[in-house]
Amino acid sequence: LSSYRLRDGVLPVSKLCLIVRDEFDILVGVVRFWPVIVGSQGLPALLLGPLGVHPIRQGEGIGEILITKALEKAKKLGWLRAVLVGDISYYRRFGFSRQFMGKVYLSDKINNDRLLGIELVKGSMVNLSGPLMKFLDEPMV
């Protein structure tokens, strides 16, 4: 998968990697974020994924809590934008949209229709173009 290649060999943004445990201390949900570079402008962004919720706990809003809290925290930490490869039907509720991606594309071009973005700061994804690339240095916001 395209998103796996963007994460391979890159450390996640640990402050935004959240988990939810139940009353028995069993892991029921997790979300991770990774630094990436957006477009020929070389702008830093967050790559959301994976998001996972235990099968017997799906439909309880755990994924929604994880994404909402993480995006709020990302904005407070100074991140301006986030992207993901996923289904618009699920991620639209958080503000992710294909329109924010402009002419940004994945190198394999297979998953471009599933490439979604969100502005954590209004105007931070205007006129983007070029590939979504792996972040090879320490993430800077």
Foldseek 3Di string as FASTA:
>chain_A
DLVVVLPPPFDWPVVLWDWDADPVRHTFWIKTWTWWAFAPVRDIEIEIDDIDGPPVCPPVCPSVVSVVVSLVVCVVVPHFKYKYQADCVPCVVVPWDLVLNAAEAGPVNPRSVRIIMHTSDPPPSPPGHHYIHHDDDPDDD
